[in-house]
Every structure is written in C-alpha cells, then in structure tokens.
Amino acid sequence: MVSTTEAEQLAMDFLMDDLEMSAEDQTFFSTISARMTGSNWIVVEIGVAGLPDKWVIQVFDTGRCDPCYTFVSPMPPGEDADLKEFPDHIAEVVARERVSGG
C-alpha cells in the first residue's frame, strides 16, 4: 500500500512529466490535498500557487497514477489575464487546459 505522502510525490512526478515542466517551473506547483478514497487509491490535488485551477490525480495502491486525470477550474475558457505573471510554459498549459476543459 502507498502512503499519502508517497502518493503526493508520485502524482507530482507524474504530472510534471506529463506536462513537460522544467525543474524551475515545477517550483510553482504544490499539493493542495491528498485523501484516501476507498481502499484502492488516493486522490491527490495539485495546483499552481496563486491560481484557482487544479489537477486531480488518482494514485492506485500499486503506486501507479491513472493517466486519465482531471483538470478543474472555476475560470471560463479563454480567461487568461491571471496567467501573465507566470512563466510562459505554465501559462500555456493552464490556458490550454481551461479551453479544453481538462
């Protein structure tokens, strides 16, 4: 069984790899929450400091991350004024996720 702390790191590593974030850009991301849901997986929420958006990733008890994670944002598609202060790649990824709905 994977601990919550291990699940947080596994989810972060998985998401950073999937989003192709540089080591420098990764410093903007942090775990919002991690909680057990049932006996087979842990749900980890990851966000960018200062933004309302988050990625929700399931980490199974085997240590594998579900590749079909969810992006959640209260921002309407195309709203990106709040992204101007972030590095280009982070702004591009969040804007793309907002438009596609995750």
PDB file of N, CA and C in Angstrom:
ATOM      1  N   MET A   1       0.834  -1.185   0.000  1.00  0.00           N
ATOM      2  CA  MET A   1       0.000   0.000   0.000  1.00  0.00           C
ATOM      3  C   MET A   1       0.877   1.246   0.000  1.00  0.00           C
ATOM      4  N   VAL A   2       0.474   2.240  -0.735  1.00  0.00           N
ATOM      5  CA  VAL A   2       1.188   3.505  -0.860  1.00  0.00           C
ATOM      6  C   VAL A   2       0.676   4.458   0.217  1.00  0.00           C
ATOM      7  N   SER A   3       1.586   5.163   0.875  1.00  0.00           N
ATOM      8  CA  SER A   3       1.173   6.146   1.878  1.00  0.00           C
ATOM      9  C   SER A   3       0.698   7.418   1.168  1.00  0.00           C
ATOM     10  N   THR A   4       0.016   8.270   1.900  1.00  0.00           N
ATOM     11  CA  THR A   4      -0.447   9.538   1.337  1.00  0.00           C
ATOM     12  C   THR A   4       0.736  10.388   0.881  1.00  0.00           C
ATOM     13  N   THR A   5       1.793  10.429   1.668  1.00  0.00           N
ATOM     14  CA  THR A   5       2.985  11.196   1.312  1.00  0.00           C
ATOM     15  C   THR A   5       3.616  10.661   0.031  1.00  0.00           C
ATOM     16  N   GLU A   6       3.716   9.348  -0.074  1.00  0.00           N
ATOM     17  CA  GLU A   6       4.258   8.737  -1.296  1.00  0.00           C
ATOM     18  C   GLU A   6       3.370   9.042  -2.490  1.00  0.00           C
ATOM     19  N   ALA A   7       2.050   8.983  -2.293  1.00  0.00           N
ATOM     20  CA  ALA A   7       1.103   9.266  -3.375  1.00  0.00           C
ATOM     21  C   ALA A   7       1.242  10.701  -3.864  1.00  0.00           C
ATOM     22  N   GLU A   8       1.454  11.636  -2.945  1.00  0.00           N
ATOM     23  CA  GLU A   8       1.645  13.032  -3.328  1.00  0.00           C
ATOM     24  C   GLU A   8       2.851  13.167  -4.254  1.00  0.00           C
ATOM     25  N   GLN A   9       3.965  12.532  -3.885  1.00  0.00           N
ATOM     26  CA  GLN A   9       5.175  12.626  -4.699  1.00  0.00           C
ATOM     27  C   GLN A   9       5.004  11.910  -6.038  1.00  0.00           C
ATOM     28  N   LEU A  10       4.372  10.756  -6.030  1.00  0.00           N
ATOM     29  CA  LEU A  10       4.134  10.024  -7.275  1.00  0.00           C
ATOM     30  C   LEU A  10       3.263  10.839  -8.226  1.00  0.00           C
ATOM     31  N   ALA A  11       2.211  11.453  -7.690  1.00  0.00           N
ATOM     32  CA  ALA A  11       1.313  12.263  -8.516  1.00  0.00           C
ATOM     33  C   ALA A  11       2.034  13.487  -9.062  1.00  0.00           C
ATOM     34  N   MET A  12       2.819  14.138  -8.221  1.00  0.00           N
ATOM     35  CA  MET A  12       3.563  15.320  -8.666  1.00  0.00           C
ATOM     36  C   MET A  12       4.549  14.953  -9.767  1.00  0.00           C
ATOM     37  N   ASP A  13       5.305  13.891  -9.561  1.00  0.00           N
ATOM     38  CA  ASP A  13       6.267  13.448 -10.579  1.00  0.00           C
ATOM     39  C   ASP A  13       5.560  13.105 -11.892  1.00  0.00           C
ATOM     40  N   PHE A  14       4.441  12.394 -11.780  1.00  0.00           N
ATOM     41  CA  PHE A  14       3.668  12.001 -12.957  1.00  0.00           C
ATOM     42  C   PHE A  14       3.169  13.230 -13.720  1.00  0.00           C
ATOM     43  N   LEU A  15       2.578  14.189 -12.996  1.00  0.00           N
ATOM     44  CA  LEU A  15       2.022  15.370 -13.650  1.00  0.00           C
ATOM     45  C   LEU A  15       3.116  16.236 -14.267  1.00  0.00           C
ATOM     46  N   MET A  16       4.206  16.435 -13.554  1.00  0.00           N
ATOM     47  CA  MET A  16       5.293  17.261 -14.083  1.00  0.00           C
ATOM     48  C   MET A  16       5.871  16.651 -15.352  1.00  0.00           C
ATOM     49  N   ASP A  17       5.981  15.331 -15.383  1.00  0.00           N
ATOM     50  CA  ASP A  17       6.456  14.638 -16.575  1.00  0.00           C
ATOM     51  C   ASP A  17       5.442  14.770 -17.706  1.00  0.00           C
ATOM     52  N   ASP A  18       4.164  14.567 -17.390  1.00  0.00           N
ATOM     53  CA  ASP A  18       3.115  14.625 -18.407  1.00  0.00           C
ATOM     54  C   ASP A  18       2.984  16.029 -19.000  1.00  0.00           C
ATOM     55  N   LEU A  19       3.149  17.052 -18.166  1.00  0.00           N
ATOM     56  CA  LEU A  19       3.040  18.438 -18.639  1.00  0.00           C
ATOM     57  C   LEU A  19       4.369  18.978 -19.174  1.00  0.00           C
ATOM     58  N   GLU A  20       5.416  18.162 -19.077  1.00  0.00           N
ATOM     59  CA  GLU A  20       6.755  18.519 -19.550  1.00  0.00           C
ATOM     60  C   GLU A  20       7.252  19.822 -18.917  1.00  0.00           C
ATOM     61  N   MET A  21       7.133  19.889 -17.583  1.00  0.00           N
ATOM     62  CA  MET A  21       7.571  21.069 -16.834  1.00  0.00           C
ATOM     63  C   MET A  21       9.061  20.984 -16.532  1.00  0.00           C
ATOM     64  N   SER A  22       9.744  22.090 -16.714  1.00  0.00           N
ATOM     65  CA  SER A  22      11.156  22.169 -16.360  1.00  0.00           C
ATOM     66  C   SER A  22      11.281  22.149 -14.836  1.00  0.00           C
ATOM     67  N   ALA A  23      12.476  21.870 -14.353  1.00  0.00           N
ATOM     68  CA  ALA A  23      12.697  21.849 -12.899  1.00  0.00           C
ATOM     69  C   ALA A  23      12.370  23.212 -12.294  1.00  0.00           C
ATOM     70  N   GLU A  24      12.700  24.274 -12.986  1.00  0.00           N
ATOM     71  CA  GLU A  24      12.414  25.627 -12.491  1.00  0.00           C
ATOM     72  C   GLU A  24      10.902  25.878 -12.401  1.00  0.00           C
ATOM     73  N   ASP A  25      10.154  25.490 -13.435  1.00  0.00           N
ATOM     74  CA  ASP A  25       8.704  25.695 -13.442  1.00  0.00           C
ATOM     75  C   ASP A  25       7.994  24.819 -12.410  1.00  0.00           C
ATOM     76  N   GLN A  26       8.584  23.684 -12.079  1.00  0.00           N
ATOM     77  CA  GLN A  26       7.970  22.782 -11.107  1.00  0.00           C
ATOM     78  C   GLN A  26       7.820  23.422  -9.733  1.00  0.00           C
ATOM     79  N   THR A  27       8.646  24.417  -9.444  1.00  0.00           N
ATOM     80  CA  THR A  27       8.583  25.063  -8.128  1.00  0.00           C
ATOM     81  C   THR A  27       7.284  25.835  -7.913  1.00  0.00           C
ATOM     82  N   PHE A  28       6.549  26.118  -8.975  1.00  0.00           N
ATOM     83  CA  PHE A  28       5.274  26.822  -8.862  1.00  0.00           C
ATOM     84  C   PHE A  28       4.131  25.898  -8.444  1.00  0.00           C
ATOM     85  N   PHE A  29       4.336  24.598  -8.542  1.00  0.00           N
ATOM     86  CA  PHE A  29       3.292  23.604  -8.260  1.00  0.00           C
ATOM     87  C   PHE A  29       3.410  23.084  -6.835  1.00  0.00           C
ATOM     88  N   SER A  30       2.262  22.777  -6.242  1.00  0.00           N
ATOM     89  CA  SER A  30       2.263  22.167  -4.911  1.00  0.00           C
ATOM     90  C   SER A  30       1.012  21.313  -4.743  1.00  0.00           C
ATOM     91  N   THR A  31       1.085  20.429  -3.771  1.00  0.00           N
ATOM     92  CA  THR A  31      -0.070  19.584  -3.449  1.00  0.00           C
ATOM     93  C   THR A  31      -1.061  20.403  -2.640  1.00  0.00           C
ATOM     94  N   ILE A  32      -2.313  20.371  -3.068  1.00  0.00           N
ATOM     95  CA  ILE A  32      -3.388  21.055  -2.351  1.00  0.00           C
ATOM     96  C   ILE A  32      -3.961  20.132  -1.285  1.00  0.00           C
ATOM     97  N   SER A  33      -4.201  18.879  -1.692  1.00  0.00           N
ATOM     98  CA  SER A  33      -4.711  17.899  -0.742  1.00  0.00           C
ATOM     99  C   SER A  33      -4.439  16.491  -1.259  1.00  0.00           C
ATOM    100  N   ALA A  34      -4.507  15.543  -0.348  1.00  0.00           N
ATOM    101  CA  ALA A  34      -4.384  14.128  -0.692  1.00  0.00           C
ATOM    102  C   ALA A  34      -5.260  13.369   0.287  1.00  0.00           C
ATOM    103  N   ARG A  35      -6.109  12.511  -0.234  1.00  0.00           N
ATOM    104  CA  ARG A  35      -7.017  11.782   0.651  1.00  0.00           C
ATOM    105  C   ARG A  35      -7.303  10.386   0.095  1.00  0.00           C
ATOM    106  N   MET A  36      -7.471   9.480   1.027  1.00  0.00           N
ATOM    107  CA  MET A  36      -7.846   8.109   0.672  1.00  0.00           C
ATOM    108  C   MET A  36      -9.302   8.114   0.220  1.00  0.00           C
ATOM    109  N   THR A  37      -9.591   7.416  -0.843  1.00  0.00           N
ATOM    110  CA  THR A  37     -10.974   7.230  -1.277  1.00  0.00           C
ATOM    111  C   THR A  37     -11.148   5.747  -1.536  1.00  0.00           C
ATOM    112  N   GLY A  38     -11.721   5.078  -0.599  1.00  0.00           N
ATOM    113  CA  GLY A  38     -11.815   3.635  -0.700  1.00  0.00           C
ATOM    114  C   GLY A  38     -10.497   3.015  -0.279  1.00  0.00           C
ATOM    115  N   SER A  39     -10.333   1.765  -0.593  1.00  0.00           N
ATOM    116  CA  SER A  39      -9.126   1.075  -0.164  1.00  0.00           C
ATOM    117  C   SER A  39      -8.112   0.888  -1.281  1.00  0.00           C
ATOM    118  N   ASN A  40      -8.452   1.336  -2.490  1.00  0.00           N
ATOM    119  CA  ASN A  40      -7.580   1.062  -3.625  1.00  0.00           C
ATOM    120  C   ASN A  40      -6.830   2.258  -4.188  1.00  0.00           C
ATOM    121  N   TRP A  41      -7.164   3.464  -3.757  1.00  0.00           N
ATOM    122  CA  TRP A  41      -6.464   4.605  -4.315  1.00  0.00           C
ATOM    123  C   TRP A  41      -6.523   5.828  -3.420  1.00  0.00           C
ATOM    124  N   ILE A  42      -5.616   6.769  -3.748  1.00  0.00           N
ATOM    125  CA  ILE A  42      -5.535   8.060  -3.059  1.00  0.00           C
ATOM    126  C   ILE A  42      -5.734   9.130  -4.119  1.00  0.00           C
ATOM    127  N   VAL A  43      -6.579  10.107  -3.835  1.00  0.00           N
ATOM    128  CA  VAL A  43      -6.801  11.220  -4.746  1.00  0.00           C
ATOM    129  C   VAL A  43      -5.895  12.370  -4.322  1.00  0.00           C
ATOM    130  N   VAL A  44      -5.094  12.852  -5.261  1.00  0.00           N
ATOM    131  CA  VAL A  44      -4.159  13.941  -4.995  1.00  0.00           C
ATOM    132  C   VAL A  44      -4.552  15.131  -5.872  1.00  0.00           C
ATOM    133  N   GLU A  45      -4.681  16.290  -5.236  1.00  0.00           N
ATOM    134  CA  GLU A  45      -4.974  17.525  -5.957  1.00  0.00           C
ATOM    135  C   GLU A  45      -3.714  18.383  -5.977  1.00  0.00           C
ATOM    136  N   ILE A  46      -3.351  18.842  -7.173  1.00  0.00           N
ATOM    137  CA  ILE A  46      -2.145  19.641  -7.371  1.00  0.00           C
ATOM    138  C   ILE A  46      -2.532  20.944  -8.045  1.00  0.00           C
ATOM    139  N   GLY A  47      -1.952  22.033  -7.564  1.00  0.00           N
ATOM    140  CA  GLY A  47      -2.262  23.332  -8.150  1.00  0.00           C
ATOM    141  C   GLY A  47      -1.026  24.188  -8.313  1.00  0.00           C
ATOM    142  N   VAL A  48      -1.230  25.347  -8.917  1.00  0.00           N
ATOM    143  CA  VAL A  48      -0.190  26.353  -9.086  1.00  0.00           C
ATOM    144  C   VAL A  48      -0.499  27.463  -8.091  1.00  0.00           C
ATOM    145  N   ALA A  49       0.482  27.825  -7.281  1.00  0.00           N
ATOM    146  CA  ALA A  49       0.283  28.866  -6.269  1.00  0.00           C
ATOM    147  C   ALA A  49      -0.245  30.138  -6.916  1.00  0.00           C
ATOM    148  N   GLY A  50      -1.352  30.660  -6.377  1.00  0.00           N
ATOM    149  CA  GLY A  50      -1.935  31.885  -6.884  1.00  0.00           C
ATOM    150  C   GLY A  50      -3.004  31.697  -7.934  1.00  0.00           C
ATOM    151  N   LEU A  51      -3.242  30.461  -8.354  1.00  0.00           N
ATOM    152  CA  LEU A  51      -4.284  30.180  -9.346  1.00  0.00           C
ATOM    153  C   LEU A  51      -5.365  29.294  -8.739  1.00  0.00           C
ATOM    154  N   PRO A  52      -6.606  29.431  -9.197  1.00  0.00           N
ATOM    155  CA  PRO A  52      -7.694  28.621  -8.649  1.00  0.00           C
ATOM    156  C   PRO A  52      -7.803  27.231  -9.286  1.00  0.00           C
ATOM    157  N   ASP A  53      -7.008  26.973 -10.299  1.00  0.00           N
ATOM    158  CA  ASP A  53      -7.072  25.716 -11.052  1.00  0.00           C
ATOM    159  C   ASP A  53      -6.380  24.583 -10.302  1.00  0.00           C
ATOM    160  N   LYS A  54      -6.783  23.349 -10.611  1.00  0.00           N
ATOM    161  CA  LYS A  54      -6.100  22.200 -10.010  1.00  0.00           C
ATOM    162  C   LYS A  54      -6.247  20.968 -10.897  1.00  0.00           C
ATOM    163  N   TRP A  55      -5.281  20.080 -10.744  1.00  0.00           N
ATOM    164  CA  TRP A  55      -5.310  18.782 -11.401  1.00  0.00           C
ATOM    165  C   TRP A  55      -5.618  17.751 -10.326  1.00  0.00           C
ATOM    166  N   VAL A  56      -6.492  16.814 -10.635  1.00  0.00           N
ATOM    167  CA  VAL A  56      -6.887  15.774  -9.687  1.00  0.00           C
ATOM    168  C   VAL A  56      -6.421  14.440 -10.265  1.00  0.00           C
ATOM    169  N   ILE A  57      -5.551  13.779  -9.511  1.00  0.00           N
ATOM    170  CA  ILE A  57      -4.916  12.547  -9.987  1.00  0.00           C
ATOM    171  C   ILE A  57      -5.177  11.427  -8.996  1.00  0.00           C
ATOM    172  N   GLN A  58      -5.562  10.263  -9.510  1.00  0.00           N
ATOM    173  CA  GLN A  58      -5.734   9.084  -8.669  1.00  0.00           C
ATOM    174  C   GLN A  58      -4.436   8.288  -8.677  1.00  0.00           C
ATOM    175  N   VAL A  59      -3.970   7.963  -7.490  1.00  0.00           N
ATOM    176  CA  VAL A  59      -2.797   7.112  -7.341  1.00  0.00           C
ATOM    177  C   VAL A  59      -3.276   5.797  -6.737  1.00  0.00           C
ATOM    178  N   PHE A  60      -3.103   4.735  -7.469  1.00  0.00           N
ATOM    179  CA  PHE A  60      -3.569   3.428  -7.016  1.00  0.00           C
ATOM    180  C   PHE A  60      -2.641   2.850  -5.962  1.00  0.00           C
ATOM    181  N   ASP A  61      -3.127   1.884  -5.205  1.00  0.00           N
ATOM    182  CA  ASP A  61      -2.333   1.270  -4.138  1.00  0.00           C
ATOM    183  C   ASP A  61      -1.084   0.579  -4.665  1.00  0.00           C
ATOM    184  N   THR A  62      -1.002   0.382  -5.969  1.00  0.00           N
ATOM    185  CA  THR A  62       0.182  -0.206  -6.605  1.00  0.00           C
ATOM    186  C   THR A  62       1.267   0.839  -6.859  1.00  0.00           C
ATOM    187  N   GLY A  63       0.926   2.125  -6.663  1.00  0.00           N
ATOM    188  CA  GLY A  63       1.865   3.197  -6.926  1.00  0.00           C
ATOM    189  C   GLY A  63       1.736   3.785  -8.322  1.00  0.00           C
ATOM    190  N   ARG A  64       0.844   3.255  -9.124  1.00  0.00           N
ATOM    191  CA  ARG A  64       0.619   3.771 -10.482  1.00  0.00           C
ATOM    192  C   ARG A  64      -0.381   4.914 -10.428  1.00  0.00           C
ATOM    193  N   CYS A  65      -0.173   5.890 -11.305  1.00  0.00           N
ATOM    194  CA  CYS A  65      -1.094   7.020 -11.431  1.00  0.00           C
ATOM    195  C   CYS A  65      -2.023   6.773 -12.616  1.00  0.00           C
ATOM    196  N   ASP A  66      -3.291   7.093 -12.423  1.00  0.00           N
ATOM    197  CA  ASP A  66      -4.260   6.978 -13.501  1.00  0.00           C
ATOM    198  C   ASP A  66      -3.937   8.043 -14.540  1.00  0.00           C
ATOM    199  N   PRO A  67      -3.656   7.649 -15.791  1.00  0.00           N
ATOM    200  CA  PRO A  67      -3.303   8.636 -16.814  1.00  0.00           C
ATOM    201  C   PRO A  67      -4.477   9.525 -17.228  1.00  0.00           C
ATOM    202  N   CYS A  68      -5.671   9.169 -16.832  1.00  0.00           N
ATOM    203  CA  CYS A  68      -6.865   9.959 -17.156  1.00  0.00           C
ATOM    204  C   CYS A  68      -7.213  10.867 -15.983  1.00  0.00           C
ATOM    205  N   TYR A  69      -6.319  11.795 -15.672  1.00  0.00           N
ATOM    206  CA  TYR A  69      -6.557  12.713 -14.567  1.00  0.00           C
ATOM    207  C   TYR A  69      -7.522  13.815 -14.996  1.00  0.00           C
ATOM    208  N   THR A  70      -7.967  14.602 -14.039  1.00  0.00           N
ATOM    209  CA  THR A  70      -8.965  15.640 -14.280  1.00  0.00           C
ATOM    210  C   THR A  70      -8.369  17.016 -13.990  1.00  0.00           C
ATOM    211  N   PHE A  71      -8.735  17.983 -14.800  1.00  0.00           N
ATOM    212  CA  PHE A  71      -8.377  19.375 -14.567  1.00  0.00           C
ATOM    213  C   PHE A  71      -9.652  20.094 -14.161  1.00  0.00           C
ATOM    214  N   VAL A  72      -9.582  20.872 -13.084  1.00  0.00           N
ATOM    215  CA  VAL A  72     -10.752  21.590 -12.572  1.00  0.00           C
ATOM    216  C   VAL A  72     -10.402  23.065 -12.482  1.00  0.00           C
ATOM    217  N   SER A  73     -11.287  23.915 -13.022  1.00  0.00           N
ATOM    218  CA  SER A  73     -11.057  25.351 -12.967  1.00  0.00           C
ATOM    219  C   SER A  73     -12.376  26.100 -12.893  1.00  0.00           C
ATOM    220  N   PRO A  74     -12.444  27.105 -12.024  1.00  0.00           N
ATOM    221  CA  PRO A  74     -13.637  27.944 -11.996  1.00  0.00           C
ATOM    222  C   PRO A  74     -13.595  29.034 -13.074  1.00  0.00           C
ATOM    223  N   MET A  75     -12.472  29.124 -13.779  1.00  0.00           N
ATOM    224  CA  MET A  75     -12.290  30.171 -14.780  1.00  0.00           C
ATOM    225  C   MET A  75     -12.933  29.758 -16.104  1.00  0.00           C
ATOM    226  N   PRO A  76     -13.571  30.698 -16.784  1.00  0.00           N
ATOM    227  CA  PRO A  76     -14.169  30.373 -18.082  1.00  0.00           C
ATOM    228  C   PRO A  76     -13.089  30.154 -19.139  1.00  0.00           C
ATOM    229  N   PRO A  77     -13.372  29.315 -20.132  1.00  0.00           N
ATOM    230  CA  PRO A  77     -12.410  29.095 -21.211  1.00  0.00           C
ATOM    231  C   PRO A  77     -12.016  30.425 -21.851  1.00  0.00           C
ATOM    232  N   GLY A  78     -10.734  30.580 -22.104  1.00  0.00           N
ATOM    233  CA  GLY A  78     -10.240  31.795 -22.733  1.00  0.00           C
ATOM    234  C   GLY A  78      -9.861  32.896 -21.757  1.00  0.00           C
ATOM    235  N   GLU A  79     -10.222  32.735 -20.490  1.00  0.00           N
ATOM    236  CA  GLU A  79      -9.842  33.724 -19.477  1.00  0.00           C
ATOM    237  C   GLU A  79      -8.417  33.434 -19.048  1.00  0.00           C
ATOM    238  N   ASP A  80      -7.508  34.345 -19.390  1.00  0.00           N
ATOM    239  CA  ASP A  80      -6.116  34.078 -19.063  1.00  0.00           C
ATOM    240  C   ASP A  80      -5.373  35.301 -18.531  1.00  0.00           C
ATOM    241  N   ALA A  81      -6.083  36.347 -18.163  1.00  0.00           N
ATOM    242  CA  ALA A  81      -5.439  37.549 -17.638  1.00  0.00           C
ATOM    243  C   ALA A  81      -4.610  37.240 -16.395  1.00  0.00           C
ATOM    244  N   ASP A  82      -5.062  36.279 -15.593  1.00  0.00           N
ATOM    245  CA  ASP A  82      -4.344  35.928 -14.364  1.00  0.00           C
ATOM    246  C   ASP A  82      -3.080  35.119 -14.626  1.00  0.00           C
ATOM    247  N   LEU A  83      -2.831  34.750 -15.867  1.00  0.00           N
ATOM    248  CA  LEU A  83      -1.675  33.911 -16.198  1.00  0.00           C
ATOM    249  C   LEU A  83      -0.447  34.706 -16.619  1.00  0.00           C
ATOM    250  N   LYS A  84      -0.587  35.995 -16.812  1.00  0.00           N
ATOM    251  CA  LYS A  84       0.503  36.822 -17.336  1.00  0.00           C
ATOM    252  C   LYS A  84       1.739  36.857 -16.436  1.00  0.00           C
ATOM    253  N   GLU A  85       1.566  36.667 -15.144  1.00  0.00           N
ATOM    254  CA  GLU A  85       2.703  36.746 -14.221  1.00  0.00           C
ATOM    255  C   GLU A  85       3.465  35.425 -14.077  1.00  0.00           C
ATOM    256  N   PHE A  86       3.021  34.399 -14.777  1.00  0.00           N
ATOM    257  CA  PHE A  86       3.645  33.083 -14.668  1.00  0.00           C
ATOM    258  C   PHE A  86       4.570  32.819 -15.853  1.00  0.00           C
ATOM    259  N   PRO A  87       5.523  31.903 -15.679  1.00  0.00           N
ATOM    260  CA  PRO A  87       6.384  31.530 -16.805  1.00  0.00           C
ATOM    261  C   PRO A  87       5.538  31.078 -18.001  1.00  0.00           C
ATOM    262  N   ASP A  88       6.057  31.309 -19.184  1.00  0.00           N
ATOM    263  CA  ASP A  88       5.307  31.039 -20.416  1.00  0.00           C
ATOM    264  C   ASP A  88       4.731  29.630 -20.487  1.00  0.00           C
ATOM    265  N   HIS A  89       5.548  28.623 -20.171  1.00  0.00           N
ATOM    266  CA  HIS A  89       5.066  27.246 -20.318  1.00  0.00           C
ATOM    267  C   HIS A  89       3.917  26.948 -19.358  1.00  0.00           C
ATOM    268  N   ILE A  90       3.994  27.429 -18.135  1.00  0.00           N
ATOM    269  CA  ILE A  90       2.901  27.221 -17.181  1.00  0.00           C
ATOM    270  C   ILE A  90       1.644  27.915 -17.687  1.00  0.00           C
ATOM    271  N   ALA A  91       1.773  29.162 -18.131  1.00  0.00           N
ATOM    272  CA  ALA A  91       0.620  29.908 -18.653  1.00  0.00           C
ATOM    273  C   ALA A  91       0.003  29.191 -19.848  1.00  0.00           C
ATOM    274  N   GLU A  92       0.825  28.673 -20.734  1.00  0.00           N
ATOM    275  CA  GLU A  92       0.317  27.957 -21.904  1.00  0.00           C
ATOM    276  C   GLU A  92      -0.445  26.693 -21.508  1.00  0.00           C
ATOM    277  N   VAL A  93       0.118  25.934 -20.585  1.00  0.00           N
ATOM    278  CA  VAL A  93      -0.512  24.684 -20.152  1.00  0.00           C
ATOM    279  C   VAL A  93      -1.857  24.967 -19.484  1.00  0.00           C
ATOM    280  N   VAL A  94      -1.897  25.925 -18.561  1.00  0.00           N
ATOM    281  CA  VAL A  94      -3.150  26.233 -17.857  1.00  0.00           C
ATOM    282  C   VAL A  94      -4.184  26.777 -18.835  1.00  0.00           C
ATOM    283  N   ALA A  95      -3.781  27.664 -19.734  1.00  0.00           N
ATOM    284  CA  ALA A  95      -4.712  28.211 -20.721  1.00  0.00           C
ATOM    285  C   ALA A  95      -5.282  27.100 -21.608  1.00  0.00           C
ATOM    286  N   ARG A  96      -4.423  26.192 -22.024  1.00  0.00           N
ATOM    287  CA  ARG A  96      -4.870  25.068 -22.867  1.00  0.00           C
ATOM    288  C   ARG A  96      -5.845  24.179 -22.112  1.00  0.00           C
ATOM    289  N   GLU A  97      -5.557  23.907 -20.840  1.00  0.00           N
ATOM    290  CA  GLU A  97      -6.440  23.081 -20.022  1.00  0.00           C
ATOM    291  C   GLU A  97      -7.791  23.766 -19.823  1.00  0.00           C
ATOM    292  N   ARG A  98      -7.776  25.084 -19.596  1.00  0.00           N
ATOM    293  CA  ARG A  98      -9.032  25.810 -19.419  1.00  0.00           C
ATOM    294  C   ARG A  98      -9.908  25.743 -20.656  1.00  0.00           C
ATOM    295  N   VAL A  99      -9.296  25.844 -21.828  1.00  0.00           N
ATOM    296  CA  VAL A  99     -10.054  25.800 -23.073  1.00  0.00           C
ATOM    297  C   VAL A  99     -10.600  24.402 -23.324  1.00  0.00           C
ATOM    298  N   SER A 100      -9.779  23.393 -23.041  1.00  0.00           N
ATOM    299  CA  SER A 100     -10.206  22.016 -23.342  1.00  0.00           C
ATOM    300  C   SER A 100     -11.100  21.436 -22.258  1.00  0.00           C
ATOM    301  N   GLY A 101     -11.140  22.112 -21.119  1.00  0.00           N
ATOM    302  CA  GLY A 101     -11.974  21.605 -20.026  1.00  0.00           C
ATOM    303  C   GLY A 101     -11.321  20.449 -19.299  1.00  0.00           C
ATOM    304  N   GLY A 102     -10.013  20.313 -19.447  1.00  0.00           N
ATOM    305  CA  GLY A 102      -9.267  19.283 -18.725  1.00  0.00           C
ATOM    306  C   GLY A 102      -9.034  18.139 -19.535  1.00  0.00           C
TER     307      GLY A 102
END
